[in-house]
């Protein structure tokens, strides 16, 4: 499971870089900052809920060796999906670009 965690960590770092590097330049900087920090806070809360759920679901001696790996795999997967969806919503719907010319 180590290579899977490493791959997901690499992909997660790329998604986080994408989320912060490609911000809409026409948006209000303060509103954009509030949105970004809110997205990160919500992601942290969802990941903590996942970790707590895995701790409860995988209790027992048989699952003890898998518990930490499943926690990390789930949290990294949640982070990748969450930041990708929020990136698309932020750049193309919430802070959408102004229309060019009208008919």
N, C-alpha and C. Protein backbone atom coordinates (compact mmCIF):
# COMPACT_ATOMS: atom_id res chain seq x y z
N UNK A 1 0.81 -1.20 0.00
CA UNK A 1 0.00 0.00 0.00
C UNK A 1 0.85 1.26 0.00
N UNK A 2 2.13 1.09 0.27
CA UNK A 2 3.03 2.24 0.30
C UNK A 2 3.12 2.97 -1.04
N UNK A 3 3.29 2.24 -2.16
CA UNK A 3 3.34 2.94 -3.45
C UNK A 3 2.04 3.70 -3.78
N UNK A 4 0.90 3.12 -3.37
CA UNK A 4 -0.37 3.81 -3.61
C UNK A 4 -0.45 5.10 -2.81
N UNK A 5 -0.01 5.07 -1.57
CA UNK A 5 -0.01 6.29 -0.75
C UNK A 5 0.95 7.31 -1.34
N UNK A 6 2.12 6.87 -1.80
CA UNK A 6 3.07 7.79 -2.43
C UNK A 6 2.51 8.41 -3.70
N UNK A 7 1.84 7.60 -4.52
CA UNK A 7 1.25 8.12 -5.75
C UNK A 7 0.14 9.12 -5.44
N UNK A 8 -0.71 8.79 -4.48
CA UNK A 8 -1.78 9.71 -4.11
C UNK A 8 -1.23 11.00 -3.49
N UNK A 9 -0.14 10.90 -2.73
CA UNK A 9 0.48 12.10 -2.17
C UNK A 9 1.04 12.98 -3.28
N UNK A 10 1.65 12.37 -4.29
CA UNK A 10 2.18 13.12 -5.43
C UNK A 10 1.05 13.80 -6.21
N UNK A 11 -0.02 13.06 -6.47
CA UNK A 11 -1.17 13.63 -7.18
C UNK A 11 -1.82 14.73 -6.33
N UNK A 12 -1.94 14.50 -5.04
CA UNK A 12 -2.52 15.49 -4.14
C UNK A 12 -1.72 16.78 -4.10
N UNK A 13 -0.39 16.66 -4.11
CA UNK A 13 0.46 17.85 -4.14
C UNK A 13 0.26 18.60 -5.46
N UNK A 14 0.12 17.88 -6.55
CA UNK A 14 -0.13 18.52 -7.84
C UNK A 14 -1.48 19.22 -7.89
N UNK A 15 -2.48 18.60 -7.32
CA UNK A 15 -3.82 19.21 -7.29
C UNK A 15 -3.81 20.46 -6.41
N UNK A 16 -3.13 20.39 -5.26
CA UNK A 16 -3.04 21.56 -4.38
C UNK A 16 -2.28 22.70 -5.07
N UNK A 17 -1.21 22.35 -5.79
CA UNK A 17 -0.48 23.38 -6.53
C UNK A 17 -1.38 24.00 -7.60
N UNK A 18 -2.13 23.17 -8.32
CA UNK A 18 -3.04 23.67 -9.35
C UNK A 18 -4.08 24.60 -8.74
N UNK A 19 -4.61 24.22 -7.57
CA UNK A 19 -5.65 25.01 -6.93
C UNK A 19 -5.15 26.41 -6.59
N UNK A 20 -3.91 26.53 -6.13
CA UNK A 20 -3.39 27.85 -5.73
C UNK A 20 -2.68 28.58 -6.86
N UNK A 21 -2.17 27.90 -7.86
CA UNK A 21 -1.42 28.56 -8.92
C UNK A 21 -2.34 29.18 -9.98
N UNK A 22 -3.46 28.55 -10.26
CA UNK A 22 -4.33 29.02 -11.33
C UNK A 22 -5.59 29.64 -10.75
N UNK A 23 -5.44 30.82 -10.16
CA UNK A 23 -6.57 31.54 -9.60
C UNK A 23 -7.06 32.57 -10.61
N UNK A 24 -8.36 32.83 -10.63
CA UNK A 24 -8.87 33.83 -11.58
C UNK A 24 -8.35 35.22 -11.23
N UNK A 25 -7.76 35.89 -12.21
CA UNK A 25 -7.17 37.21 -11.93
C UNK A 25 -8.19 38.33 -11.88
N UNK A 26 -9.37 38.12 -12.40
CA UNK A 26 -10.40 39.17 -12.44
C UNK A 26 -11.26 39.17 -11.19
N UNK A 27 -11.06 38.22 -10.29
CA UNK A 27 -11.88 38.12 -9.08
C UNK A 27 -11.36 39.05 -8.00
N UNK A 28 -12.24 39.39 -7.07
CA UNK A 28 -11.87 40.18 -5.90
C UNK A 28 -10.91 39.34 -5.06
N UNK A 29 -9.74 39.88 -4.76
CA UNK A 29 -8.70 39.11 -4.08
C UNK A 29 -9.12 38.70 -2.67
N UNK A 30 -9.84 39.56 -1.97
CA UNK A 30 -10.27 39.23 -0.61
C UNK A 30 -11.32 38.11 -0.63
N UNK A 31 -12.28 38.21 -1.51
CA UNK A 31 -13.31 37.17 -1.62
C UNK A 31 -12.68 35.85 -2.06
N UNK A 32 -11.71 35.92 -2.94
CA UNK A 32 -11.01 34.71 -3.40
C UNK A 32 -10.23 34.05 -2.26
N UNK A 33 -9.59 34.87 -1.44
CA UNK A 33 -8.85 34.34 -0.29
C UNK A 33 -9.80 33.69 0.72
N UNK A 34 -10.93 34.31 0.98
CA UNK A 34 -11.91 33.73 1.90
C UNK A 34 -12.43 32.41 1.35
N UNK A 35 -12.71 32.36 0.07
CA UNK A 35 -13.18 31.12 -0.55
C UNK A 35 -12.13 30.02 -0.45
N UNK A 36 -10.86 30.35 -0.75
CA UNK A 36 -9.80 29.35 -0.72
C UNK A 36 -9.63 28.77 0.68
N UNK A 37 -9.61 29.62 1.70
CA UNK A 37 -9.44 29.13 3.07
C UNK A 37 -10.66 28.36 3.56
N UNK A 38 -11.83 28.74 3.09
CA UNK A 38 -13.04 27.99 3.45
C UNK A 38 -13.01 26.60 2.82
N UNK A 39 -12.57 26.51 1.59
CA UNK A 39 -12.45 25.21 0.91
C UNK A 39 -11.45 24.32 1.65
N UNK A 40 -10.32 24.88 2.05
CA UNK A 40 -9.33 24.09 2.77
C UNK A 40 -9.85 23.64 4.14
N UNK A 41 -10.56 24.53 4.82
CA UNK A 41 -11.14 24.16 6.11
C UNK A 41 -12.19 23.07 5.98
N UNK A 42 -13.02 23.17 4.96
CA UNK A 42 -14.04 22.14 4.74
C UNK A 42 -13.37 20.81 4.37
N UNK A 43 -12.31 20.85 3.60
CA UNK A 43 -11.58 19.63 3.24
C UNK A 43 -10.98 18.99 4.48
N UNK A 44 -10.42 19.80 5.36
CA UNK A 44 -9.85 19.26 6.60
C UNK A 44 -10.93 18.62 7.47
N UNK A 45 -12.10 19.23 7.54
CA UNK A 45 -13.18 18.65 8.35
C UNK A 45 -13.68 17.34 7.76
N UNK A 46 -13.80 17.28 6.44
CA UNK A 46 -14.23 16.03 5.79
C UNK A 46 -13.19 14.94 6.01
N UNK A 47 -11.90 15.29 5.90
CA UNK A 47 -10.85 14.30 6.12
C UNK A 47 -10.81 13.82 7.57
N UNK A 48 -11.04 14.72 8.52
CA UNK A 48 -11.09 14.31 9.92
C UNK A 48 -12.28 13.39 10.18
N UNK A 49 -13.41 13.68 9.55
CA UNK A 49 -14.57 12.79 9.69
C UNK A 49 -14.27 11.43 9.09
N UNK A 50 -13.56 11.38 7.97
CA UNK A 50 -13.17 10.10 7.37
C UNK A 50 -12.25 9.32 8.30
N UNK A 51 -11.27 10.01 8.88
CA UNK A 51 -10.33 9.33 9.78
C UNK A 51 -11.06 8.78 11.00
N UNK A 52 -11.98 9.55 11.55
CA UNK A 52 -12.77 9.08 12.70
C UNK A 52 -13.62 7.87 12.31
N UNK A 53 -14.21 7.92 11.12
CA UNK A 53 -15.03 6.80 10.64
C UNK A 53 -14.17 5.54 10.47
N UNK A 54 -12.99 5.67 9.89
CA UNK A 54 -12.12 4.51 9.73
C UNK A 54 -11.67 3.96 11.07
N UNK A 55 -11.47 4.85 12.02
CA UNK A 55 -11.07 4.40 13.36
C UNK A 55 -12.18 3.56 14.00
N UNK A 56 -13.42 3.95 13.76
CA UNK A 56 -14.54 3.21 14.33
C UNK A 56 -14.86 1.93 13.55
N UNK A 57 -14.80 2.01 12.24
CA UNK A 57 -15.17 0.86 11.41
C UNK A 57 -14.11 -0.24 11.49
N UNK A 58 -12.85 0.14 11.50
CA UNK A 58 -11.76 -0.84 11.47
C UNK A 58 -11.18 -1.11 12.85
N UNK A 59 -12.01 -1.13 13.86
CA UNK A 59 -11.47 -1.47 15.17
C UNK A 59 -11.47 -2.99 15.32
N UNK A 60 -10.46 -3.47 15.92
CA UNK A 60 -10.29 -4.91 16.07
C UNK A 60 -8.87 -5.29 15.70
N UNK A 61 -8.47 -6.43 16.16
CA UNK A 61 -7.09 -6.87 15.94
C UNK A 61 -6.81 -7.24 14.49
N UNK A 62 -7.82 -7.72 13.77
CA UNK A 62 -7.61 -8.15 12.39
C UNK A 62 -7.32 -6.98 11.45
N UNK A 63 -7.87 -5.82 11.75
CA UNK A 63 -7.76 -4.68 10.84
C UNK A 63 -6.75 -3.64 11.30
N UNK A 64 -6.08 -3.88 12.41
CA UNK A 64 -5.18 -2.87 12.98
C UNK A 64 -4.07 -2.47 12.02
N UNK A 65 -3.54 -3.41 11.24
CA UNK A 65 -2.43 -3.08 10.34
C UNK A 65 -2.89 -2.31 9.11
N UNK A 66 -4.18 -2.35 8.80
CA UNK A 66 -4.69 -1.62 7.63
C UNK A 66 -5.28 -0.26 7.97
N UNK A 67 -5.53 -0.02 9.23
CA UNK A 67 -6.25 1.19 9.64
C UNK A 67 -5.55 2.47 9.18
N UNK A 68 -4.28 2.60 9.48
CA UNK A 68 -3.55 3.82 9.13
C UNK A 68 -3.45 3.99 7.61
N UNK A 69 -3.22 2.90 6.90
CA UNK A 69 -3.11 3.00 5.44
C UNK A 69 -4.43 3.43 4.82
N UNK A 70 -5.54 2.86 5.28
CA UNK A 70 -6.85 3.25 4.74
C UNK A 70 -7.19 4.69 5.09
N UNK A 71 -6.77 5.14 6.26
CA UNK A 71 -6.99 6.54 6.63
C UNK A 71 -6.28 7.46 5.65
N UNK A 72 -4.99 7.20 5.38
CA UNK A 72 -4.23 8.07 4.49
C UNK A 72 -4.73 7.98 3.05
N UNK A 73 -5.03 6.80 2.58
CA UNK A 73 -5.53 6.64 1.21
C UNK A 73 -6.85 7.40 1.04
N UNK A 74 -7.74 7.26 2.00
CA UNK A 74 -9.03 7.96 1.93
C UNK A 74 -8.88 9.46 2.00
N UNK A 75 -8.04 9.93 2.92
CA UNK A 75 -7.87 11.38 3.06
C UNK A 75 -7.21 12.00 1.82
N UNK A 76 -6.23 11.32 1.26
CA UNK A 76 -5.60 11.84 0.05
C UNK A 76 -6.55 11.80 -1.14
N UNK A 77 -7.37 10.76 -1.22
CA UNK A 77 -8.38 10.71 -2.29
C UNK A 77 -9.42 11.79 -2.15
N UNK A 78 -9.87 12.01 -0.92
CA UNK A 78 -10.85 13.09 -0.67
C UNK A 78 -10.25 14.43 -1.04
N UNK A 79 -9.00 14.65 -0.66
CA UNK A 79 -8.34 15.93 -0.97
C UNK A 79 -8.24 16.15 -2.47
N UNK A 80 -7.87 15.12 -3.21
CA UNK A 80 -7.73 15.25 -4.67
C UNK A 80 -9.07 15.58 -5.33
N UNK A 81 -10.10 14.85 -4.97
CA UNK A 81 -11.42 15.06 -5.58
C UNK A 81 -12.00 16.40 -5.14
N UNK A 82 -11.92 16.71 -3.86
CA UNK A 82 -12.51 17.94 -3.33
C UNK A 82 -11.87 19.18 -3.95
N UNK A 83 -10.53 19.23 -3.97
CA UNK A 83 -9.88 20.41 -4.53
C UNK A 83 -10.09 20.53 -6.03
N UNK A 84 -10.18 19.41 -6.74
CA UNK A 84 -10.45 19.48 -8.17
C UNK A 84 -11.84 20.02 -8.45
N UNK A 85 -12.83 19.54 -7.73
CA UNK A 85 -14.20 20.01 -7.91
C UNK A 85 -14.31 21.49 -7.53
N UNK A 86 -13.70 21.88 -6.42
CA UNK A 86 -13.76 23.28 -6.00
C UNK A 86 -12.99 24.19 -6.95
N UNK A 87 -11.91 23.69 -7.54
CA UNK A 87 -11.18 24.45 -8.55
C UNK A 87 -12.08 24.75 -9.75
N UNK A 88 -12.76 23.73 -10.23
CA UNK A 88 -13.64 23.93 -11.38
C UNK A 88 -14.81 24.85 -11.04
N UNK A 89 -15.40 24.66 -9.87
CA UNK A 89 -16.50 25.54 -9.47
C UNK A 89 -16.03 26.98 -9.30
N UNK A 90 -14.87 27.15 -8.67
CA UNK A 90 -14.36 28.50 -8.42
C UNK A 90 -14.04 29.23 -9.71
N UNK A 91 -13.34 28.58 -10.62
CA UNK A 91 -12.86 29.28 -11.81
C UNK A 91 -13.91 29.44 -12.90
N UNK A 92 -14.90 28.55 -12.95
CA UNK A 92 -15.83 28.60 -14.07
C UNK A 92 -17.28 28.86 -13.68
N UNK A 93 -17.58 28.93 -12.38
CA UNK A 93 -18.96 29.19 -11.99
C UNK A 93 -19.06 30.29 -10.94
N UNK A 94 -18.34 30.18 -9.86
CA UNK A 94 -18.47 31.16 -8.78
C UNK A 94 -17.79 32.48 -9.16
N UNK A 95 -16.54 32.42 -9.59
CA UNK A 95 -15.81 33.61 -10.04
C UNK A 95 -15.64 33.54 -11.55
N UNK A 96 -16.74 33.38 -12.25
CA UNK A 96 -16.66 33.18 -13.69
C UNK A 96 -16.14 34.43 -14.39
N UNK A 97 -15.48 34.25 -15.52
CA UNK A 97 -14.92 35.40 -16.24
C UNK A 97 -16.03 36.28 -16.82
N UNK A 98 -15.73 37.57 -16.95
CA UNK A 98 -16.73 38.45 -17.55
C UNK A 98 -16.94 38.10 -19.02
N UNK A 99 -18.13 38.34 -19.50
CA UNK A 99 -18.44 38.06 -20.90
C UNK A 99 -17.77 39.08 -21.80
N UNK A 100 -17.29 38.60 -22.91
CA UNK A 100 -16.65 39.48 -23.89
C UNK A 100 -17.64 39.80 -24.99
N UNK A 101 -17.99 41.02 -25.11
CA UNK A 101 -18.91 41.43 -26.16
C UNK A 101 -20.28 40.79 -26.01
N UNK A 102 -21.27 41.50 -26.41
CA UNK A 102 -22.62 40.95 -26.35
C UNK A 102 -23.33 41.22 -27.67
N UNK A 103 -24.24 40.37 -27.99
CA UNK A 103 -24.95 40.52 -29.26
C UNK A 103 -26.22 41.24 -29.04
